[in-house]
């Protein structure tokens, strides 16, 4: 592979892996005590994604709330109260996600290379299986905007 594509995180997850290679990869990553590795299922990976995105959403709503507080809008008290309501909804979902991760024995850590290559990187350990979760910033932004729109729809209904 060329130097341009190595180590930037963007192309790492796009490599194709045959089922035979996946089995060999999992065998190499298996603990030496002989216990089988429990690879996270789709639902658990979605929990990890939620654990990563929900705090970002809280930061965005909080920043917007502070900007509105400093503005001269005539309806700023309404917007501020709506922001607090949004933040409470997001925080309650984050609490549920954290509890579910704890119950499933999954730990998530922010990777040191968090800002490298236009992607965010997190390391996770799921019942002894250790791997990396990466998401391109543009995809994270798009997902966050869709989710915030859903939360706003909840508040308005």
C-alpha atoms as a PDB file:
ATOM      1  CA  UNK A   1       0.000   0.000   0.000  1.00  0.00           C
ATOM      2  CA  UNK A   2       1.292   3.507  -0.718  1.00  0.00           C
ATOM      3  CA  UNK A   3       2.542   5.791   2.061  1.00  0.00           C
ATOM      4  CA  UNK A   4      -0.432   8.138   1.593  1.00  0.00           C
ATOM      5  CA  UNK A   5      -2.865   5.452   2.717  1.00  0.00           C
ATOM      6  CA  UNK A   6      -0.913   4.075   5.679  1.00  0.00           C
ATOM      7  CA  UNK A   7      -1.754   5.066   9.228  1.00  0.00           C
ATOM      8  CA  UNK A   8      -4.328   7.757   8.475  1.00  0.00           C
ATOM      9  CA  UNK A   9      -7.296   5.701   9.723  1.00  0.00           C
ATOM     10  CA  UNK A  10      -9.501   6.412   6.722  1.00  0.00           C
ATOM     11  CA  UNK A  11      -8.524   3.381   4.687  1.00  0.00           C
ATOM     12  CA  UNK A  12      -7.872   1.008   7.556  1.00  0.00           C
ATOM     13  CA  UNK A  13     -11.495  -0.154   7.832  1.00  0.00           C
ATOM     14  CA  UNK A  14     -12.132  -0.361   4.099  1.00  0.00           C
ATOM     15  CA  UNK A  15      -9.908  -3.365   3.532  1.00  0.00           C
ATOM     16  CA  UNK A  16     -11.759  -6.486   2.523  1.00  0.00           C
ATOM     17  CA  UNK A  17     -11.368  -9.535   4.749  1.00  0.00           C
ATOM     18  CA  UNK A  18     -12.253 -13.057   3.718  1.00  0.00           C
ATOM     19  CA  UNK A  19     -14.048 -15.264   6.261  1.00  0.00           C
ATOM     20  CA  UNK A  20     -11.000 -17.534   6.532  1.00  0.00           C
ATOM     21  CA  UNK A  21      -8.783 -14.557   7.322  1.00  0.00           C
ATOM     22  CA  UNK A  22     -11.265 -13.290   9.908  1.00  0.00           C
ATOM     23  CA  UNK A  23     -11.149 -16.641  11.708  1.00  0.00           C
ATOM     24  CA  UNK A  24      -7.347 -16.565  11.744  1.00  0.00           C
ATOM     25  CA  UNK A  25      -7.388 -12.974  12.983  1.00  0.00           C
ATOM     26  CA  UNK A  26      -9.738 -13.863  15.832  1.00  0.00           C
ATOM     27  CA  UNK A  27      -7.612 -16.883  16.756  1.00  0.00           C
ATOM     28  CA  UNK A  28      -4.522 -14.679  16.995  1.00  0.00           C
ATOM     29  CA  UNK A  29      -6.358 -12.191  19.194  1.00  0.00           C
ATOM     30  CA  UNK A  30      -7.732 -14.933  21.440  1.00  0.00           C
ATOM     31  CA  UNK A  31      -6.459 -14.934  25.010  1.00  0.00           C
ATOM     32  CA  UNK A  32      -3.786 -17.506  25.766  1.00  0.00           C
ATOM     33  CA  UNK A  33      -5.914 -19.222  28.443  1.00  0.00           C
ATOM     34  CA  UNK A  34      -7.922 -20.968  25.713  1.00  0.00           C
ATOM     35  CA  UNK A  35     -11.283 -19.313  26.370  1.00  0.00           C
ATOM     36  CA  UNK A  36     -13.140 -18.320  23.196  1.00  0.00           C
ATOM     37  CA  UNK A  37     -13.261 -14.636  22.345  1.00  0.00           C
ATOM     38  CA  UNK A  38     -16.714 -13.081  22.415  1.00  0.00           C
ATOM     39  CA  UNK A  39     -16.760 -10.613  19.554  1.00  0.00           C
ATOM     40  CA  UNK A  40     -19.224  -7.756  20.122  1.00  0.00           C
ATOM     41  CA  UNK A  41     -22.506  -8.062  18.270  1.00  0.00           C
ATOM     42  CA  UNK A  42     -24.112  -5.264  16.237  1.00  0.00           C
ATOM     43  CA  UNK A  43     -26.196  -4.028  19.180  1.00  0.00           C
ATOM     44  CA  UNK A  44     -23.071  -3.685  21.341  1.00  0.00           C
ATOM     45  CA  UNK A  45     -21.236  -1.764  18.625  1.00  0.00           C
ATOM     46  CA  UNK A  46     -24.241   0.570  18.403  1.00  0.00           C
ATOM     47  CA  UNK A  47     -24.008   1.110  22.171  1.00  0.00           C
ATOM     48  CA  UNK A  48     -20.340   2.030  21.764  1.00  0.00           C
ATOM     49  CA  UNK A  49     -21.258   4.439  18.966  1.00  0.00           C
ATOM     50  CA  UNK A  50     -23.934   6.008  21.175  1.00  0.00           C
ATOM     51  CA  UNK A  51     -21.432   6.302  24.022  1.00  0.00           C
ATOM     52  CA  UNK A  52     -19.159   8.253  21.673  1.00  0.00           C
ATOM     53  CA  UNK A  53     -21.806  10.459  20.015  1.00  0.00           C
ATOM     54  CA  UNK A  54     -24.054  11.419  22.938  1.00  0.00           C
ATOM     55  CA  UNK A  55     -21.381  13.433  24.830  1.00  0.00           C
ATOM     56  CA  UNK A  56     -20.563  15.254  21.589  1.00  0.00           C
ATOM     57  CA  UNK A  57     -24.243  16.092  21.199  1.00  0.00           C
ATOM     58  CA  UNK A  58     -24.349  17.420  24.762  1.00  0.00           C
ATOM     59  CA  UNK A  59     -21.372  19.670  24.018  1.00  0.00           C
ATOM     60  CA  UNK A  60     -23.028  21.025  20.874  1.00  0.00           C
ATOM     61  CA  UNK A  61     -26.326  21.782  22.615  1.00  0.00           C
ATOM     62  CA  UNK A  62     -24.466  23.391  25.557  1.00  0.00           C
ATOM     63  CA  UNK A  63     -22.416  25.584  23.208  1.00  0.00           C
ATOM     64  CA  UNK A  64     -25.553  26.682  21.354  1.00  0.00           C
ATOM     65  CA  UNK A  65     -27.256  27.429  24.685  1.00  0.00           C
ATOM     66  CA  UNK A  66     -24.337  29.652  25.747  1.00  0.00           C
ATOM     67  CA  UNK A  67     -24.418  31.449  22.380  1.00  0.00           C
ATOM     68  CA  UNK A  68     -28.146  32.081  22.771  1.00  0.00           C
ATOM     69  CA  UNK A  69     -27.641  33.380  26.324  1.00  0.00           C
ATOM     70  CA  UNK A  70     -25.232  35.995  24.996  1.00  0.00           C
ATOM     71  CA  UNK A  71     -27.544  37.008  22.160  1.00  0.00           C
ATOM     72  CA  UNK A  72     -30.250  39.657  22.070  1.00  0.00           C
ATOM     73  CA  UNK A  73     -33.070  37.424  20.806  1.00  0.00           C
ATOM     74  CA  UNK A  74     -36.483  38.371  22.098  1.00  0.00           C
ATOM     75  CA  UNK A  75     -37.350  34.710  22.671  1.00  0.00           C
ATOM     76  CA  UNK A  76     -34.036  33.665  24.155  1.00  0.00           C
ATOM     77  CA  UNK A  77     -35.595  32.392  27.410  1.00  0.00           C
ATOM     78  CA  UNK A  78     -37.705  29.962  25.382  1.00  0.00           C
ATOM     79  CA  UNK A  79     -34.654  28.753  23.440  1.00  0.00           C
ATOM     80  CA  UNK A  80     -32.631  28.362  26.642  1.00  0.00           C
ATOM     81  CA  UNK A  81     -35.379  26.314  28.304  1.00  0.00           C
ATOM     82  CA  UNK A  82     -35.693  24.174  25.199  1.00  0.00           C
ATOM     83  CA  UNK A  83     -31.919  23.641  25.257  1.00  0.00           C
ATOM     84  CA  UNK A  84     -32.076  22.471  28.871  1.00  0.00           C
ATOM     85  CA  UNK A  85     -34.892  20.079  27.991  1.00  0.00           C
ATOM     86  CA  UNK A  86     -32.847  18.715  25.089  1.00  0.00           C
ATOM     87  CA  UNK A  87     -29.826  18.275  27.341  1.00  0.00           C
ATOM     88  CA  UNK A  88     -31.903  16.369  29.913  1.00  0.00           C
ATOM     89  CA  UNK A  89     -33.153  13.974  27.235  1.00  0.00           C
ATOM     90  CA  UNK A  90     -29.625  13.373  25.929  1.00  0.00           C
ATOM     91  CA  UNK A  91     -28.243  12.908  29.453  1.00  0.00           C
ATOM     92  CA  UNK A  92     -30.933  10.362  30.300  1.00  0.00           C
ATOM     93  CA  UNK A  93     -30.106   8.374  27.146  1.00  0.00           C
ATOM     94  CA  UNK A  94     -26.394   8.589  27.963  1.00  0.00           C
ATOM     95  CA  UNK A  95     -27.072   7.240  31.450  1.00  0.00           C
ATOM     96  CA  UNK A  96     -28.960   4.296  29.947  1.00  0.00           C
ATOM     97  CA  UNK A  97     -26.112   3.607  27.500  1.00  0.00           C
ATOM     98  CA  UNK A  98     -23.489   3.740  30.270  1.00  0.00           C
ATOM     99  CA  UNK A  99     -25.496   1.336  32.422  1.00  0.00           C
ATOM    100  CA  UNK A 100     -25.973  -1.057  29.506  1.00  0.00           C
ATOM    101  CA  UNK A 101     -22.241  -0.984  28.699  1.00  0.00           C
ATOM    102  CA  UNK A 102     -21.418  -1.667  32.344  1.00  0.00           C
ATOM    103  CA  UNK A 103     -23.920  -4.565  32.465  1.00  0.00           C
ATOM    104  CA  UNK A 104     -22.379  -6.099  29.329  1.00  0.00           C
ATOM    105  CA  UNK A 105     -18.841  -5.626  30.677  1.00  0.00           C
ATOM    106  CA  UNK A 106     -17.768  -3.246  27.905  1.00  0.00           C
ATOM    107  CA  UNK A 107     -15.281  -0.458  28.552  1.00  0.00           C
ATOM    108  CA  UNK A 108     -14.584   2.370  26.094  1.00  0.00           C
ATOM    109  CA  UNK A 109     -11.481   4.593  26.126  1.00  0.00           C
ATOM    110  CA  UNK A 110     -10.635   7.588  23.980  1.00  0.00           C
ATOM    111  CA  UNK A 111      -7.600   6.772  21.853  1.00  0.00           C
ATOM    112  CA  UNK A 112      -4.501   8.975  21.952  1.00  0.00           C
ATOM    113  CA  UNK A 113      -4.758   9.485  18.198  1.00  0.00           C
ATOM    114  CA  UNK A 114      -8.228  11.013  18.574  1.00  0.00           C
ATOM    115  CA  UNK A 115      -7.670  13.865  16.117  1.00  0.00           C
ATOM    116  CA  UNK A 116      -5.511  12.141  13.532  1.00  0.00           C
ATOM    117  CA  UNK A 117      -6.655  11.915   9.927  1.00  0.00           C
ATOM    118  CA  UNK A 118     -10.065  13.547  10.221  1.00  0.00           C
ATOM    119  CA  UNK A 119     -11.502  10.693  12.270  1.00  0.00           C
ATOM    120  CA  UNK A 120     -12.242  10.033  15.912  1.00  0.00           C
ATOM    121  CA  UNK A 121     -10.788   6.900  17.461  1.00  0.00           C
ATOM    122  CA  UNK A 122     -11.835   5.025  20.568  1.00  0.00           C
ATOM    123  CA  UNK A 123     -10.516   1.791  22.011  1.00  0.00           C
ATOM    124  CA  UNK A 124     -12.939  -0.681  23.578  1.00  0.00           C
ATOM    125  CA  UNK A 125     -12.692  -3.882  25.561  1.00  0.00           C
ATOM    126  CA  UNK A 126     -15.678  -6.205  25.316  1.00  0.00           C
ATOM    127  CA  UNK A 127     -15.467  -9.288  27.561  1.00  0.00           C
ATOM    128  CA  UNK A 128     -11.752  -9.689  26.882  1.00  0.00           C
ATOM    129  CA  UNK A 129     -11.954  -8.800  23.184  1.00  0.00           C
ATOM    130  CA  UNK A 130     -10.077  -5.580  22.499  1.00  0.00           C
ATOM    131  CA  UNK A 131     -10.469  -3.506  19.356  1.00  0.00           C
ATOM    132  CA  UNK A 132     -10.710   0.029  18.013  1.00  0.00           C
ATOM    133  CA  UNK A 133     -13.814   2.002  17.060  1.00  0.00           C
ATOM    134  CA  UNK A 134     -13.239   4.734  14.469  1.00  0.00           C
ATOM    135  CA  UNK A 135     -15.640   7.157  12.881  1.00  0.00           C
ATOM    136  CA  UNK A 136     -14.934   9.788  10.240  1.00  0.00           C
ATOM    137  CA  UNK A 137     -15.761  13.263  11.559  1.00  0.00           C
ATOM    138  CA  UNK A 138     -18.087  14.068   8.658  1.00  0.00           C
ATOM    139  CA  UNK A 139     -20.095  10.909   9.319  1.00  0.00           C
ATOM    140  CA  UNK A 140     -20.215  11.788  13.028  1.00  0.00           C
ATOM    141  CA  UNK A 141     -21.462  15.303  12.228  1.00  0.00           C
ATOM    142  CA  UNK A 142     -24.180  13.954   9.935  1.00  0.00           C
ATOM    143  CA  UNK A 143     -25.298  11.387  12.521  1.00  0.00           C
ATOM    144  CA  UNK A 144     -25.299  14.022  15.288  1.00  0.00           C
ATOM    145  CA  UNK A 145     -27.431  16.437  13.249  1.00  0.00           C
ATOM    146  CA  UNK A 146     -29.980  13.694  12.494  1.00  0.00           C
ATOM    147  CA  UNK A 147     -30.136  12.674  16.154  1.00  0.00           C
ATOM    148  CA  UNK A 148     -30.479  16.250  17.415  1.00  0.00           C
ATOM    149  CA  UNK A 149     -33.354  16.721  14.955  1.00  0.00           C
ATOM    150  CA  UNK A 150     -35.030  13.635  16.482  1.00  0.00           C
ATOM    151  CA  UNK A 151     -34.595  15.028  19.994  1.00  0.00           C
ATOM    152  CA  UNK A 152     -36.041  18.371  18.894  1.00  0.00           C
ATOM    153  CA  UNK A 153     -39.027  16.545  17.409  1.00  0.00           C
ATOM    154  CA  UNK A 154     -39.537  14.814  20.793  1.00  0.00           C
ATOM    155  CA  UNK A 155     -39.454  18.163  22.595  1.00  0.00           C
ATOM    156  CA  UNK A 156     -41.874  19.781  20.171  1.00  0.00           C
ATOM    157  CA  UNK A 157     -44.429  16.976  20.261  1.00  0.00           C
END
